[in-house]
PDB file of all heavy atoms in Angstrom:
ATOM      1  N   ILE A   1       0.782  -1.289   0.020  1.00  0.00           N
ATOM      2  CA  ILE A   1       0.008  -0.081   0.077  1.00  0.00           C
ATOM      3  C   ILE A   1       0.882   1.259   0.073  1.00  0.00           C
ATOM      4  O   ILE A   1       1.626   1.531   1.053  1.00  0.00           O
ATOM      5  CB  ILE A   1      -0.914   0.049   1.293  1.00  0.00           C
ATOM      6  CG1 ILE A   1      -1.790  -1.207   1.298  1.00  0.00           C
ATOM      7  CG2 ILE A   1      -1.822   1.316   1.211  1.00  0.00           C
ATOM      8  CD1 ILE A   1      -2.586  -1.393   2.494  1.00  0.00           C
ATOM      9  N   ILE A   2       0.730   2.004  -1.073  1.00  0.00           N
ATOM     10  CA  ILE A   2       1.581   3.258  -1.174  1.00  0.00           C
ATOM     11  C   ILE A   2       0.570   4.370  -1.419  1.00  0.00           C
ATOM     12  O   ILE A   2      -0.063   4.351  -2.496  1.00  0.00           O
ATOM     13  CB  ILE A   2       2.607   3.153  -2.300  1.00  0.00           C
ATOM     14  CG1 ILE A   2       3.578   1.984  -2.000  1.00  0.00           C
ATOM     15  CG2 ILE A   2       3.325   4.408  -2.431  1.00  0.00           C
ATOM     16  CD1 ILE A   2       4.519   1.704  -3.057  1.00  0.00           C
ATOM     17  N   GLY A   3       0.584   5.355  -0.628  1.00  0.00           N
ATOM     18  CA  GLY A   3      -0.425   6.411  -0.773  1.00  0.00           C
ATOM     19  C   GLY A   3      -0.002   7.453  -1.887  1.00  0.00           C
ATOM     20  O   GLY A   3       1.103   7.274  -2.456  1.00  0.00           O
ATOM     21  N   PRO A   4      -0.823   8.393  -2.096  1.00  0.00           N
ATOM     22  CA  PRO A   4      -2.109   8.614  -1.400  1.00  0.00           C
ATOM     23  C   PRO A   4      -3.204   7.711  -1.950  1.00  0.00           C
ATOM     24  O   PRO A   4      -3.201   7.284  -3.102  1.00  0.00           O
ATOM     25  CB  PRO A   4      -2.453  10.062  -1.737  1.00  0.00           C
ATOM     26  CG  PRO A   4      -1.733  10.314  -3.066  1.00  0.00           C
ATOM     27  CD  PRO A   4      -0.522   9.525  -3.122  1.00  0.00           C
ATOM     28  N   ASN A   5      -4.123   7.468  -1.196  1.00  0.00           N
ATOM     29  CA  ASN A   5      -5.270   6.465  -1.500  1.00  0.00           C
ATOM     30  C   ASN A   5      -6.609   7.172  -1.105  1.00  0.00           C
ATOM     31  O   ASN A   5      -6.855   7.652   0.019  1.00  0.00           O
ATOM     32  CB  ASN A   5      -5.173   5.180  -0.677  1.00  0.00           C
ATOM     33  CG  ASN A   5      -3.909   4.476  -0.877  1.00  0.00           C
ATOM     34  OD1 ASN A   5      -3.553   4.048  -2.125  1.00  0.00           O
ATOM     35  ND2 ASN A   5      -3.136   4.239   0.079  1.00  0.00           N
ATOM     36  N   ALA A   6      -7.528   7.061  -2.032  1.00  0.00           N
ATOM     37  CA  ALA A   6      -8.803   7.493  -1.731  1.00  0.00           C
ATOM     38  C   ALA A   6      -9.711   6.258  -1.414  1.00  0.00           C
ATOM     39  O   ALA A   6      -9.558   5.169  -1.987  1.00  0.00           O
ATOM     40  CB  ALA A   6      -9.554   8.150  -2.977  1.00  0.00           C
ATOM     41  N   MET A   7     -10.476   6.243  -0.365  1.00  0.00           N
ATOM     42  CA  MET A   7     -11.213   5.136   0.128  1.00  0.00           C
ATOM     43  C   MET A   7     -12.755   5.447  -0.184  1.00  0.00           C
ATOM     44  O   MET A   7     -13.230   6.550   0.163  1.00  0.00           O
ATOM     45  CB  MET A   7     -10.964   4.866   1.614  1.00  0.00           C
ATOM     46  CG  MET A   7      -9.499   4.657   1.914  1.00  0.00           C
ATOM     47  SD  MET A   7      -8.836   3.152   1.127  1.00  0.00           S
ATOM     48  CE  MET A   7      -9.734   1.862   1.996  1.00  0.00           C
ATOM     49  N   ARG A   8     -13.431   4.454  -0.453  1.00  0.00           N
ATOM     50  CA  ARG A   8     -14.865   4.553  -0.788  1.00  0.00           C
ATOM     51  C   ARG A   8     -15.712   3.366  -0.255  1.00  0.00           C
ATOM     52  O   ARG A   8     -15.113   2.195  -0.099  1.00  0.00           O
ATOM     53  CB  ARG A   8     -15.081   4.824  -2.134  1.00  0.00           C
ATOM     54  CG  ARG A   8     -14.343   5.854  -2.930  1.00  0.00           C
ATOM     55  CD  ARG A   8     -14.641   5.894  -4.452  1.00  0.00           C
ATOM     56  NE  ARG A   8     -13.802   6.924  -5.137  1.00  0.00           N
ATOM     57  CZ  ARG A   8     -12.537   6.649  -5.601  1.00  0.00           C
ATOM     58  NH1 ARG A   8     -12.044   5.600  -5.640  1.00  0.00           N
ATOM     59  NH2 ARG A   8     -11.908   7.784  -6.333  1.00  0.00           N
ATOM     60  N   TRP A   9     -16.980   3.646  -0.020  1.00  0.00           N
ATOM     61  CA  TRP A   9     -17.920   2.529   0.190  1.00  0.00           C
ATOM     62  C   TRP A   9     -19.018   2.541  -0.811  1.00  0.00           C
ATOM     63  O   TRP A   9     -19.502   3.605  -1.185  1.00  0.00           O
ATOM     64  CB  TRP A   9     -18.548   2.650   1.599  1.00  0.00           C
ATOM     65  CG  TRP A   9     -17.567   2.330   2.802  1.00  0.00           C
ATOM     66  CD1 TRP A   9     -16.923   3.203   3.500  1.00  0.00           C
ATOM     67  CD2 TRP A   9     -17.490   0.924   3.290  1.00  0.00           C
ATOM     68  NE1 TRP A   9     -16.310   2.425   4.491  1.00  0.00           N
ATOM     69  CE2 TRP A   9     -16.571   1.177   4.305  1.00  0.00           C
ATOM     70  CE3 TRP A   9     -17.966  -0.255   2.911  1.00  0.00           C
ATOM     71  CZ2 TRP A   9     -16.198  -0.069   5.081  1.00  0.00           C
ATOM     72  CZ3 TRP A   9     -17.497  -1.381   3.644  1.00  0.00           C
ATOM     73  CH2 TRP A   9     -16.580  -1.197   4.758  1.00  0.00           C
ATOM     74  N   TYR A  10     -19.365   1.387  -1.339  1.00  0.00           N
ATOM     75  CA  TYR A  10     -20.440   1.177  -2.217  1.00  0.00           C
ATOM     76  C   TYR A  10     -21.400   0.127  -1.574  1.00  0.00           C
ATOM     77  O   TYR A  10     -21.006  -0.597  -0.609  1.00  0.00           O
ATOM     78  CB  TYR A  10     -19.891   0.630  -3.577  1.00  0.00           C
ATOM     79  CG  TYR A  10     -19.031   1.568  -4.400  1.00  0.00           C
ATOM     80  CD1 TYR A  10     -17.773   1.883  -4.101  1.00  0.00           C
ATOM     81  CD2 TYR A  10     -19.789   2.198  -5.421  1.00  0.00           C
ATOM     82  CE1 TYR A  10     -17.055   2.753  -4.772  1.00  0.00           C
ATOM     83  CE2 TYR A  10     -18.984   3.180  -6.274  1.00  0.00           C
ATOM     84  CZ  TYR A  10     -17.644   3.504  -5.937  1.00  0.00           C
ATOM     85  OH  TYR A  10     -16.964   4.335  -6.652  1.00  0.00           O
ATOM     86  N   ARG A  11     -22.598   0.064  -2.223  1.00  0.00           N
ATOM     87  CA  ARG A  11     -23.563  -1.097  -1.762  1.00  0.00           C
ATOM     88  C   ARG A  11     -24.324  -1.553  -2.951  1.00  0.00           C
ATOM     89  O   ARG A  11     -24.412  -0.769  -3.942  1.00  0.00           O
ATOM     90  CB  ARG A  11     -24.487  -0.559  -0.625  1.00  0.00           C
ATOM     91  CG  ARG A  11     -25.488   0.534  -1.179  1.00  0.00           C
ATOM     92  CD  ARG A  11     -26.093   1.073   0.114  1.00  0.00           C
ATOM     93  NE  ARG A  11     -27.188   2.048  -0.233  1.00  0.00           N
ATOM     94  CZ  ARG A  11     -27.922   2.706   0.642  1.00  0.00           C
ATOM     95  NH1 ARG A  11     -27.716   2.561   1.870  1.00  0.00           N
ATOM     96  NH2 ARG A  11     -28.787   3.526   0.249  1.00  0.00           N
ATOM     97  N   GLN A  12     -24.827  -2.744  -2.819  1.00  0.00           N
ATOM     98  CA  GLN A  12     -25.533  -3.334  -4.012  1.00  0.00           C
ATOM     99  C   GLN A  12     -26.725  -4.234  -3.301  1.00  0.00           C
ATOM    100  O   GLN A  12     -26.426  -5.172  -2.543  1.00  0.00           O
ATOM    101  CB  GLN A  12     -24.746  -4.214  -4.830  1.00  0.00           C
ATOM    102  CG  GLN A  12     -25.486  -4.709  -6.185  1.00  0.00           C
ATOM    103  CD  GLN A  12     -24.466  -5.321  -7.118  1.00  0.00           C
ATOM    104  OE1 GLN A  12     -23.380  -5.786  -6.770  1.00  0.00           O
ATOM    105  NE2 GLN A  12     -24.865  -5.189  -8.367  1.00  0.00           N
ATOM    106  N   ALA A  13     -27.961  -3.762  -3.657  1.00  0.00           N
ATOM    107  CA  ALA A  13     -29.110  -4.591  -3.225  1.00  0.00           C
ATOM    108  C   ALA A  13     -29.396  -5.570  -4.202  1.00  0.00           C
ATOM    109  O   ALA A  13     -29.097  -5.470  -5.365  1.00  0.00           O
ATOM    110  CB  ALA A  13     -30.266  -3.638  -2.944  1.00  0.00           C
ATOM    111  N   PRO A  14     -30.124  -6.737  -3.967  1.00  0.00           N
ATOM    112  CA  PRO A  14     -30.419  -7.854  -4.893  1.00  0.00           C
ATOM    113  C   PRO A  14     -31.126  -7.133  -5.985  1.00  0.00           C
ATOM    114  O   PRO A  14     -32.124  -6.429  -5.863  1.00  0.00           O
ATOM    115  CB  PRO A  14     -31.257  -8.723  -4.066  1.00  0.00           C
ATOM    116  CG  PRO A  14     -30.863  -8.559  -2.679  1.00  0.00           C
ATOM    117  CD  PRO A  14     -30.523  -7.173  -2.560  1.00  0.00           C
ATOM    118  N   GLY A  15     -30.734  -7.411  -7.269  1.00  0.00           N
ATOM    119  CA  GLY A  15     -31.359  -6.943  -8.519  1.00  0.00           C
ATOM    120  C   GLY A  15     -31.202  -5.462  -8.843  1.00  0.00           C
ATOM    121  O   GLY A  15     -31.689  -5.060  -9.749  1.00  0.00           O
ATOM    122  N   LYS A  16     -30.320  -4.886  -7.976  1.00  0.00           N
ATOM    123  CA  LYS A  16     -29.980  -3.625  -8.185  1.00  0.00           C
ATOM    124  C   LYS A  16     -28.585  -3.253  -8.647  1.00  0.00           C
ATOM    125  O   LYS A  16     -27.720  -4.168  -8.454  1.00  0.00           O
ATOM    126  CB  LYS A  16     -30.181  -2.692  -6.979  1.00  0.00           C
ATOM    127  CG  LYS A  16     -31.711  -2.800  -6.433  1.00  0.00           C
ATOM    128  CD  LYS A  16     -32.666  -1.949  -7.429  1.00  0.00           C
ATOM    129  CE  LYS A  16     -33.991  -1.971  -6.643  1.00  0.00           C
ATOM    130  NZ  LYS A  16     -34.949  -1.199  -7.513  1.00  0.00           N
ATOM    131  N   GLN A  17     -28.255  -2.232  -9.208  1.00  0.00           N
ATOM    132  CA  GLN A  17     -26.853  -1.799  -9.683  1.00  0.00           C
ATOM    133  C   GLN A  17     -26.091  -1.355  -8.406  1.00  0.00           C
ATOM    134  O   GLN A  17     -26.718  -0.781  -7.496  1.00  0.00           O
ATOM    135  CB  GLN A  17     -26.942  -0.728 -10.629  1.00  0.00           C
ATOM    136  CG  GLN A  17     -25.719  -0.395 -11.348  1.00  0.00           C
ATOM    137  CD  GLN A  17     -25.780   0.574 -12.420  1.00  0.00           C
ATOM    138  OE1 GLN A  17     -26.769   1.211 -12.630  1.00  0.00           O
ATOM    139  NE2 GLN A  17     -24.798   0.732 -13.371  1.00  0.00           N
ATOM    140  N   ARG A  18     -24.868  -1.613  -8.465  1.00  0.00           N
ATOM    141  CA  ARG A  18     -24.004  -1.120  -7.396  1.00  0.00           C
ATOM    142  C   ARG A  18     -24.000   0.374  -7.283  1.00  0.00           C
ATOM    143  O   ARG A  18     -23.867   1.030  -8.361  1.00  0.00           O
ATOM    144  CB  ARG A  18     -22.608  -1.695  -7.476  1.00  0.00           C
ATOM    145  CG  ARG A  18     -21.648  -1.400  -6.259  1.00  0.00           C
ATOM    146  CD  ARG A  18     -20.278  -2.096  -6.423  1.00  0.00           C
ATOM    147  NE  ARG A  18     -20.536  -3.470  -6.514  1.00  0.00           N
ATOM    148  CZ  ARG A  18     -19.407  -4.378  -6.513  1.00  0.00           C
ATOM    149  NH1 ARG A  18     -18.179  -3.915  -6.442  1.00  0.00           N
ATOM    150  NH2 ARG A  18     -19.712  -5.735  -6.520  1.00  0.00           N
ATOM    151  N   GLU A  19     -24.150   0.948  -6.093  1.00  0.00           N
ATOM    152  CA  GLU A  19     -24.242   2.461  -6.037  1.00  0.00           C
ATOM    153  C   GLU A  19     -23.197   2.883  -4.986  1.00  0.00           C
ATOM    154  O   GLU A  19     -22.835   2.219  -4.061  1.00  0.00           O
ATOM    155  CB  GLU A  19     -25.506   2.895  -5.549  1.00  0.00           C
ATOM    156  CG  GLU A  19     -26.030   2.357  -4.236  1.00  0.00           C
ATOM    157  CD  GLU A  19     -27.311   3.052  -3.757  1.00  0.00           C
ATOM    158  OE1 GLU A  19     -27.756   4.072  -4.426  1.00  0.00           O
ATOM    159  OE2 GLU A  19     -27.871   2.540  -2.746  1.00  0.00           O
ATOM    160  N   TRP A  20     -22.617   4.062  -5.268  1.00  0.00           N
ATOM    161  CA  TRP A  20     -21.697   4.727  -4.391  1.00  0.00           C
ATOM    162  C   TRP A  20     -22.413   5.276  -3.193  1.00  0.00           C
ATOM    163  O   TRP A  20     -23.493   5.761  -3.358  1.00  0.00           O
ATOM    164  CB  TRP A  20     -20.962   5.866  -5.112  1.00  0.00           C
ATOM    165  CG  TRP A  20     -20.218   6.720  -4.231  1.00  0.00           C
ATOM    166  CD1 TRP A  20     -18.909   6.559  -3.869  1.00  0.00           C
ATOM    167  CD2 TRP A  20     -20.458   8.043  -3.831  1.00  0.00           C
ATOM    168  NE1 TRP A  20     -18.471   7.508  -3.128  1.00  0.00           N
ATOM    169  CE2 TRP A  20     -19.355   8.484  -3.056  1.00  0.00           C
ATOM    170  CE3 TRP A  20     -21.628   8.770  -3.955  1.00  0.00           C
ATOM    171  CZ2 TRP A  20     -19.432   9.718  -2.481  1.00  0.00           C
ATOM    172  CZ3 TRP A  20     -21.695  10.090  -3.349  1.00  0.00           C
ATOM    173  CH2 TRP A  20     -20.519  10.548  -2.569  1.00  0.00           C
ATOM    174  N   VAL A  21     -21.814   5.073  -1.957  1.00  0.00           N
ATOM    175  CA  VAL A  21     -22.375   5.509  -0.788  1.00  0.00           C
ATOM    176  C   VAL A  21     -21.532   6.682  -0.059  1.00  0.00           C
ATOM    177  O   VAL A  21     -22.199   7.699   0.321  1.00  0.00           O
ATOM    178  CB  VAL A  21     -22.410   4.237   0.291  1.00  0.00           C
ATOM    179  CG1 VAL A  21     -22.928   4.756   1.659  1.00  0.00           C
ATOM    180  CG2 VAL A  21     -23.351   3.173  -0.310  1.00  0.00           C
ATOM    181  N   ALA A  22     -20.269   6.518  -0.003  1.00  0.00           N
ATOM    182  CA  ALA A  22     -19.478   7.537   0.690  1.00  0.00           C
ATOM    183  C   ALA A  22     -18.120   7.351   0.267  1.00  0.00           C
ATOM    184  O   ALA A  22     -17.614   6.383  -0.174  1.00  0.00           O
ATOM    185  CB  ALA A  22     -19.580   7.368   2.231  1.00  0.00           C
ATOM    186  N   GLY A  23     -17.220   8.545   0.329  1.00  0.00           N
ATOM    187  CA  GLY A  23     -15.929   8.432   0.117  1.00  0.00           C
ATOM    188  C   GLY A  23     -15.113   9.377   0.922  1.00  0.00           C
ATOM    189  O   GLY A  23     -15.657  10.342   1.546  1.00  0.00           O
ATOM    190  N   ILE A  24     -13.812   9.084   1.143  1.00  0.00           N
ATOM    191  CA  ILE A  24     -12.965   9.903   1.895  1.00  0.00           C
ATOM    192  C   ILE A  24     -11.608   9.916   1.075  1.00  0.00           C
ATOM    193  O   ILE A  24     -11.043   8.887   0.679  1.00  0.00           O
ATOM    194  CB  ILE A  24     -12.817   9.415   3.326  1.00  0.00           C
ATOM    195  CG1 ILE A  24     -11.744  10.391   4.169  1.00  0.00           C
ATOM    196  CG2 ILE A  24     -12.230   8.011   3.307  1.00  0.00           C
ATOM    197  CD1 ILE A  24     -11.970  10.162   5.699  1.00  0.00           C
ATOM    198  N   GLY A  25     -11.094  11.178   0.859  1.00  0.00           N
ATOM    199  CA  GLY A  25      -9.834  11.319   0.121  1.00  0.00           C
ATOM    200  C   GLY A  25      -8.774  11.145   1.060  1.00  0.00           C
ATOM    201  O   GLY A  25      -8.728  11.102   2.216  1.00  0.00           O
ATOM    202  N   SER A  26      -7.515  11.304   0.412  1.00  0.00           N
ATOM    203  CA  SER A  26      -6.251  11.090   1.127  1.00  0.00           C
ATOM    204  C   SER A  26      -6.054  12.273   2.088  1.00  0.00           C
ATOM    205  O   SER A  26      -5.317  12.126   3.073  1.00  0.00           O
ATOM    206  CB  SER A  26      -5.151  11.079   0.194  1.00  0.00           C
ATOM    207  OG  SER A  26      -5.018  12.213  -0.653  1.00  0.00           O
ATOM    208  N   GLY A  27      -6.756  13.545   1.777  1.00  0.00           N
ATOM    209  CA  GLY A  27      -6.579  14.588   2.669  1.00  0.00           C
ATOM    210  C   GLY A  27      -7.674  14.631   3.598  1.00  0.00           C
ATOM    211  O   GLY A  27      -7.736  15.574   4.490  1.00  0.00           O
ATOM    212  N   GLY A  28      -8.580  13.696   3.726  1.00  0.00           N
ATOM    213  CA  GLY A  28      -9.567  13.630   4.706  1.00  0.00           C
ATOM    214  C   GLY A  28     -10.894  14.140   4.286  1.00  0.00           C
ATOM    215  O   GLY A  28     -11.789  14.154   5.129  1.00  0.00           O
ATOM    216  N   ILE A  29     -11.132  14.724   3.195  1.00  0.00           N
ATOM    217  CA  ILE A  29     -12.374  15.193   2.696  1.00  0.00           C
ATOM    218  C   ILE A  29     -13.365  14.076   2.407  1.00  0.00           C
ATOM    219  O   ILE A  29     -13.040  13.194   1.730  1.00  0.00           O
ATOM    220  CB  ILE A  29     -12.162  16.126   1.429  1.00  0.00           C
ATOM    221  CG1 ILE A  29     -11.264  17.326   1.790  1.00  0.00           C
ATOM    222  CG2 ILE A  29     -13.533  16.606   0.851  1.00  0.00           C
ATOM    223  CD1 ILE A  29     -10.868  18.151   0.553  1.00  0.00           C
ATOM    224  N   THR A  30     -14.518  14.277   2.958  1.00  0.00           N
ATOM    225  CA  THR A  30     -15.597  13.246   2.924  1.00  0.00           C
ATOM    226  C   THR A  30     -16.686  13.699   2.025  1.00  0.00           C
ATOM    227  O   THR A  30     -17.063  14.970   1.838  1.00  0.00           O
ATOM    228  CB  THR A  30     -16.083  12.819   4.201  1.00  0.00           C
ATOM    229  OG1 THR A  30     -16.735  14.021   4.940  1.00  0.00           O
ATOM    230  CG2 THR A  30     -14.985  12.197   5.096  1.00  0.00           C
ATOM    231  N   ASN A  31     -17.451  12.781   1.375  1.00  0.00           N
ATOM    232  CA  ASN A  31     -18.562  12.934   0.602  1.00  0.00           C
ATOM    233  C   ASN A  31     -19.554  11.814   0.809  1.00  0.00           C
ATOM    234  O   ASN A  31     -19.082  10.743   0.977  1.00  0.00           O
ATOM    235  CB  ASN A  31     -18.215  13.060  -0.927  1.00  0.00           C
ATOM    236  CG  ASN A  31     -17.308  14.332  -1.203  1.00  0.00           C
ATOM    237  OD1 ASN A  31     -16.090  14.198  -1.228  1.00  0.00           O
ATOM    238  ND2 ASN A  31     -17.981  15.526  -1.343  1.00  0.00           N
ATOM    239  N   TYR A  32     -20.793  12.133   0.582  1.00  0.00           N
ATOM    240  CA  TYR A  32     -21.922  11.178   0.911  1.00  0.00           C
ATOM    241  C   TYR A  32     -22.953  11.216  -0.217  1.00  0.00           C
ATOM    242  O   TYR A  32     -23.287  12.281  -0.756  1.00  0.00           O
ATOM    243  CB  TYR A  32     -22.553  11.314   2.254  1.00  0.00           C
ATOM    244  CG  TYR A  32     -21.404  11.229   3.386  1.00  0.00           C
ATOM    245  CD1 TYR A  32     -20.848  12.405   3.831  1.00  0.00           C
ATOM    246  CD2 TYR A  32     -21.165  10.017   4.003  1.00  0.00           C
ATOM    247  CE1 TYR A  32     -19.975  12.403   4.849  1.00  0.00           C
ATOM    248  CE2 TYR A  32     -20.284   9.985   5.011  1.00  0.00           C
ATOM    249  CZ  TYR A  32     -19.724  11.112   5.522  1.00  0.00           C
ATOM    250  OH  TYR A  32     -18.758  11.059   6.526  1.00  0.00           O
ATOM    251  N   ALA A  33     -23.537  10.061  -0.439  1.00  0.00           N
ATOM    252  CA  ALA A  33     -24.634  10.014  -1.252  1.00  0.00           C
ATOM    253  C   ALA A  33     -25.860  10.659  -0.498  1.00  0.00           C
ATOM    254  O   ALA A  33     -25.924  10.615   0.770  1.00  0.00           O
ATOM    255  CB  ALA A  33     -25.050   8.537  -1.672  1.00  0.00           C
ATOM    256  N   ASP A  34     -26.838  11.274  -1.298  1.00  0.00           N
ATOM    257  CA  ASP A  34     -27.902  11.917  -0.574  1.00  0.00           C
ATOM    258  C   ASP A  34     -28.715  10.996   0.289  1.00  0.00           C
ATOM    259  O   ASP A  34     -29.292  11.369   1.376  1.00  0.00           O
ATOM    260  CB  ASP A  34     -28.864  12.634  -1.657  1.00  0.00           C
ATOM    261  CG  ASP A  34     -28.168  13.848  -2.253  1.00  0.00           C
ATOM    262  OD1 ASP A  34     -27.345  14.346  -1.604  1.00  0.00           O
ATOM    263  OD2 ASP A  34     -28.598  14.248  -3.334  1.00  0.00           O
ATOM    264  N   SER A  35     -28.847   9.784  -0.221  1.00  0.00           N
ATOM    265  CA  SER A  35     -29.697   8.834   0.587  1.00  0.00           C
ATOM    266  C   SER A  35     -29.068   8.502   2.072  1.00  0.00           C
ATOM    267  O   SER A  35     -29.864   7.956   2.865  1.00  0.00           O
ATOM    268  CB  SER A  35     -29.788   7.482  -0.144  1.00  0.00           C
ATOM    269  OG  SER A  35     -28.540   7.045  -0.478  1.00  0.00           O
ATOM    270  N   VAL A  36     -27.783   8.741   2.274  1.00  0.00           N
ATOM    271  CA  VAL A  36     -27.235   8.386   3.550  1.00  0.00           C
ATOM    272  C   VAL A  36     -26.745   9.593   4.258  1.00  0.00           C
ATOM    273  O   VAL A  36     -26.291   9.434   5.450  1.00  0.00           O
ATOM    274  CB  VAL A  36     -26.230   7.438   3.425  1.00  0.00           C
ATOM    275  CG1 VAL A  36     -26.609   6.084   2.694  1.00  0.00           C
ATOM    276  CG2 VAL A  36     -24.961   7.881   2.790  1.00  0.00           C
ATOM    277  N   LYS A  37     -26.651  10.697   3.655  1.00  0.00           N
ATOM    278  CA  LYS A  37     -26.164  11.941   4.308  1.00  0.00           C
ATOM    279  C   LYS A  37     -26.870  12.266   5.607  1.00  0.00           C
ATOM    280  O   LYS A  37     -28.179  12.335   5.613  1.00  0.00           O
ATOM    281  CB  LYS A  37     -26.341  13.175   3.353  1.00  0.00           C
ATOM    282  CG  LYS A  37     -25.451  14.342   3.699  1.00  0.00           C
ATOM    283  CD  LYS A  37     -25.666  15.451   2.651  1.00  0.00           C
ATOM    284  CE  LYS A  37     -24.949  14.923   1.345  1.00  0.00           C
ATOM    285  NZ  LYS A  37     -24.955  15.970   0.234  1.00  0.00           N
ATOM    286  N   GLY A  38     -26.075  12.534   6.641  1.00  0.00           N
ATOM    287  CA  GLY A  38     -26.682  12.790   7.980  1.00  0.00           C
ATOM    288  C   GLY A  38     -26.720  11.552   8.857  1.00  0.00           C
ATOM    289  O   GLY A  38     -27.047  11.697   9.961  1.00  0.00           O
ATOM    290  N   ARG A  39     -26.730  10.334   8.140  1.00  0.00           N
ATOM    291  CA  ARG A  39     -26.920   8.996   8.889  1.00  0.00           C
ATOM    292  C   ARG A  39     -25.641   8.396   8.978  1.00  0.00           C
ATOM    293  O   ARG A  39     -25.353   7.648   9.930  1.00  0.00           O
ATOM    294  CB  ARG A  39     -28.001   8.197   8.317  1.00  0.00           C
ATOM    295  CG  ARG A  39     -29.365   8.990   8.298  1.00  0.00           C
ATOM    296  CD  ARG A  39     -30.521   8.116   7.917  1.00  0.00           C
ATOM    297  NE  ARG A  39     -30.221   7.594   6.541  1.00  0.00           N
ATOM    298  CZ  ARG A  39     -30.154   6.319   6.060  1.00  0.00           C
ATOM    299  NH1 ARG A  39     -30.116   5.375   7.035  1.00  0.00           N
ATOM    300  NH2 ARG A  39     -29.969   5.977   4.791  1.00  0.00           N
ATOM    301  N   PHE A  40     -24.794   8.347   7.847  1.00  0.00           N
ATOM    302  CA  PHE A  40     -23.592   7.587   7.769  1.00  0.00           C
ATOM    303  C   PHE A  40     -22.433   8.397   8.007  1.00  0.00           C
ATOM    304  O   PHE A  40     -22.339   9.615   7.526  1.00  0.00           O
ATOM    305  CB  PHE A  40     -23.629   6.735   6.418  1.00  0.00           C
ATOM    306  CG  PHE A  40     -24.500   5.750   6.287  1.00  0.00           C
ATOM    307  CD1 PHE A  40     -25.513   5.421   7.157  1.00  0.00           C
ATOM    308  CD2 PHE A  40     -24.474   4.902   5.088  1.00  0.00           C
ATOM    309  CE1 PHE A  40     -26.388   4.515   6.888  1.00  0.00           C
ATOM    310  CE2 PHE A  40     -25.300   3.906   4.896  1.00  0.00           C
ATOM    311  CZ  PHE A  40     -26.317   3.651   5.846  1.00  0.00           C
ATOM    312  N   THR A  41     -21.410   7.870   8.416  1.00  0.00           N
ATOM    313  CA  THR A  41     -20.067   8.607   8.623  1.00  0.00           C
ATOM    314  C   THR A  41     -19.010   7.796   8.124  1.00  0.00           C
ATOM    315  O   THR A  41     -18.742   6.648   8.657  1.00  0.00           O
ATOM    316  CB  THR A  41     -19.824   9.153  10.025  1.00  0.00           C
ATOM    317  OG1 THR A  41     -20.814  10.006  10.429  1.00  0.00           O
ATOM    318  CG2 THR A  41     -18.477   9.892  10.092  1.00  0.00           C
TER     319      THR A  41
END
């Protein structure tokens, strides 16, 4: 593992396309899908 690395979470429900949930950059900046914003960290 050699940085910098961006880390992300995705999810996939049965019969559904995989969707992006959240991400955090190498500098610590975070982003969230609207469906989870305020609930997930």
